[in-house]
């Protein structure tokens, strides 16, 4: 089982995320500062990209009602303004007794890995009539 969420990162996304998170690192917000870094330009917050994983988990797979228990993250490459991030979640284990799901998570820009990790979620059992409708 796999599902995805896709989002193109905008200037507004970065500024809004900085305001919400309090992460005002100038590598995200200051063009002149960012030009002097290894990135040579402003980059998106790593956690902004990781939040797209939350979007796929909470809205698509496993979907509404799941509870995030843990998430490992490895940041592999920068995301820039204008990049389209594809967040993909793939179920790799299900524990029916504990109502837990282990999910491989990855964020890609084109074929380049930006973020990868492993999530554990708690999921409620679906009522029988809901299962039959799917």
Protein backbone atom coordinates (compact mmCIF):
# COMPACT_ATOMS: atom_id res chain seq x y z
CA UNK A 1 0.00 0.00 0.00
CA UNK A 2 1.42 3.34 -1.09
CA UNK A 3 0.07 6.86 -1.48
CA UNK A 4 1.48 10.32 -2.18
CA UNK A 5 1.02 14.04 -1.57
CA UNK A 6 2.57 16.61 -3.90
CA UNK A 7 3.26 20.30 -3.24
CA UNK A 8 5.26 22.99 -5.03
CA UNK A 9 7.14 25.08 -2.47
CA UNK A 10 6.53 28.82 -2.72
CA UNK A 11 8.04 31.93 -1.18
CA UNK A 12 4.85 32.28 0.85
CA UNK A 13 5.19 28.72 2.19
CA UNK A 14 8.70 29.44 3.48
CA UNK A 15 7.82 32.79 5.06
CA UNK A 16 4.63 31.39 6.62
CA UNK A 17 6.46 28.32 7.96
CA UNK A 18 9.14 30.58 9.48
CA UNK A 19 6.41 32.57 11.23
CA UNK A 20 4.55 29.53 12.50
CA UNK A 21 7.61 27.55 13.59
CA UNK A 22 9.77 30.43 14.79
CA UNK A 23 12.67 29.12 12.65
CA UNK A 24 13.97 32.34 11.14
CA UNK A 25 17.36 30.95 10.11
CA UNK A 26 18.58 33.36 7.43
CA UNK A 27 19.41 30.50 5.05
CA UNK A 28 15.63 30.32 4.55
CA UNK A 29 14.80 34.03 4.53
CA UNK A 30 17.81 36.14 3.53
CA UNK A 31 19.00 35.95 -0.09
CA UNK A 32 22.39 37.59 0.60
CA UNK A 33 23.11 35.32 3.55
CA UNK A 34 22.05 32.21 1.61
CA UNK A 35 24.29 33.12 -1.33
CA UNK A 36 27.30 32.68 0.97
CA UNK A 37 26.31 29.14 1.99
CA UNK A 38 26.96 25.82 0.26
CA UNK A 39 23.43 26.09 -1.19
CA UNK A 40 24.14 29.43 -2.98
CA UNK A 41 20.47 30.39 -2.61
CA UNK A 42 17.63 30.28 -0.10
CA UNK A 43 16.32 26.84 0.79
CA UNK A 44 13.12 25.59 2.35
CA UNK A 45 13.08 24.43 5.96
CA UNK A 46 13.75 20.71 6.20
CA UNK A 47 10.76 20.38 8.49
CA UNK A 48 8.54 22.09 5.89
CA UNK A 49 9.37 19.28 3.48
CA UNK A 50 8.89 16.71 6.25
CA UNK A 51 5.46 18.17 6.98
CA UNK A 52 4.34 16.92 3.58
CA UNK A 53 4.82 13.41 4.98
CA UNK A 54 2.31 14.33 7.68
CA UNK A 55 -0.07 15.44 4.94
CA UNK A 56 0.00 12.10 3.14
CA UNK A 57 -0.29 10.14 6.40
CA UNK A 58 -3.13 12.19 7.84
CA UNK A 59 -5.20 12.54 4.69
CA UNK A 60 -4.48 9.53 2.50
CA UNK A 61 -2.58 6.59 3.99
CA UNK A 62 -3.54 5.45 6.53
CA UNK A 63 -5.70 8.61 6.51
CA UNK A 64 -8.03 10.50 8.84
CA UNK A 65 -7.97 9.38 12.46
CA UNK A 66 -4.45 7.94 12.48
CA UNK A 67 -2.15 9.09 15.27
CA UNK A 68 1.53 9.82 14.65
CA UNK A 69 3.62 8.00 17.26
CA UNK A 70 7.14 8.48 15.89
CA UNK A 71 9.10 9.54 12.84
CA UNK A 72 12.77 9.19 11.97
CA UNK A 73 14.07 11.66 9.39
CA UNK A 74 17.24 11.94 7.34
CA UNK A 75 17.67 15.13 5.35
CA UNK A 76 19.50 14.22 2.12
CA UNK A 77 19.26 17.30 -0.12
CA UNK A 78 17.90 20.83 -0.07
CA UNK A 79 14.50 21.89 -1.36
CA UNK A 80 14.32 25.25 -3.08
CA UNK A 81 11.56 27.72 -3.91
CA UNK A 82 9.76 26.37 -6.96
CA UNK A 83 10.66 22.72 -6.32
CA UNK A 84 7.78 20.27 -6.41
CA UNK A 85 8.03 17.82 -3.52
CA UNK A 86 6.41 14.41 -3.77
CA UNK A 87 5.91 12.86 -0.32
CA UNK A 88 5.37 9.11 -0.54
CA UNK A 89 4.27 6.75 2.23
CA UNK A 90 4.54 2.97 1.86
CA UNK A 91 3.26 0.53 4.48
CA UNK A 92 5.94 -1.98 5.41
CA UNK A 93 4.40 -3.63 8.50
CA UNK A 94 1.03 -3.91 10.20
CA UNK A 95 0.48 -5.06 13.80
CA UNK A 96 -3.24 -5.76 14.10
CA UNK A 97 -3.08 -6.59 17.82
CA UNK A 98 -1.43 -3.29 18.76
CA UNK A 99 -3.20 -1.30 16.01
CA UNK A 100 0.17 -0.05 14.74
CA UNK A 101 1.43 0.55 11.23
CA UNK A 102 5.06 1.05 10.21
CA UNK A 103 5.46 3.21 7.13
CA UNK A 104 8.49 4.04 5.00
CA UNK A 105 8.46 7.75 4.18
CA UNK A 106 10.30 9.69 1.50
CA UNK A 107 10.20 13.15 -0.07
CA UNK A 108 11.46 13.45 -3.61
CA UNK A 109 12.19 16.40 -5.88
CA UNK A 110 12.20 14.87 -9.33
CA UNK A 111 14.16 11.65 -8.61
CA UNK A 112 16.36 13.26 -5.93
CA UNK A 113 15.76 12.21 -2.31
CA UNK A 114 15.25 15.25 -0.08
CA UNK A 115 14.00 13.52 3.10
CA UNK A 116 13.57 9.89 4.08
CA UNK A 117 12.60 8.03 7.18
CA UNK A 118 10.29 5.67 8.97
CA UNK A 119 7.02 6.47 10.71
CA UNK A 120 4.99 4.54 13.24
CA UNK A 121 1.30 5.27 13.53
CA UNK A 122 -1.62 4.09 15.60
CA UNK A 123 -4.71 3.33 13.56
CA UNK A 124 -8.24 2.60 14.67
CA UNK A 125 -9.99 -0.43 13.36
CA UNK A 126 -12.54 0.51 10.75
CA UNK A 127 -16.17 -0.45 11.28
CA UNK A 128 -17.26 -3.40 9.14
CA UNK A 129 -19.69 -1.26 7.08
CA UNK A 130 -16.85 1.19 6.27
CA UNK A 131 -14.59 -1.64 5.09
CA UNK A 132 -17.34 -3.03 2.86
CA UNK A 133 -17.87 0.38 1.22
CA UNK A 134 -14.27 0.54 0.01
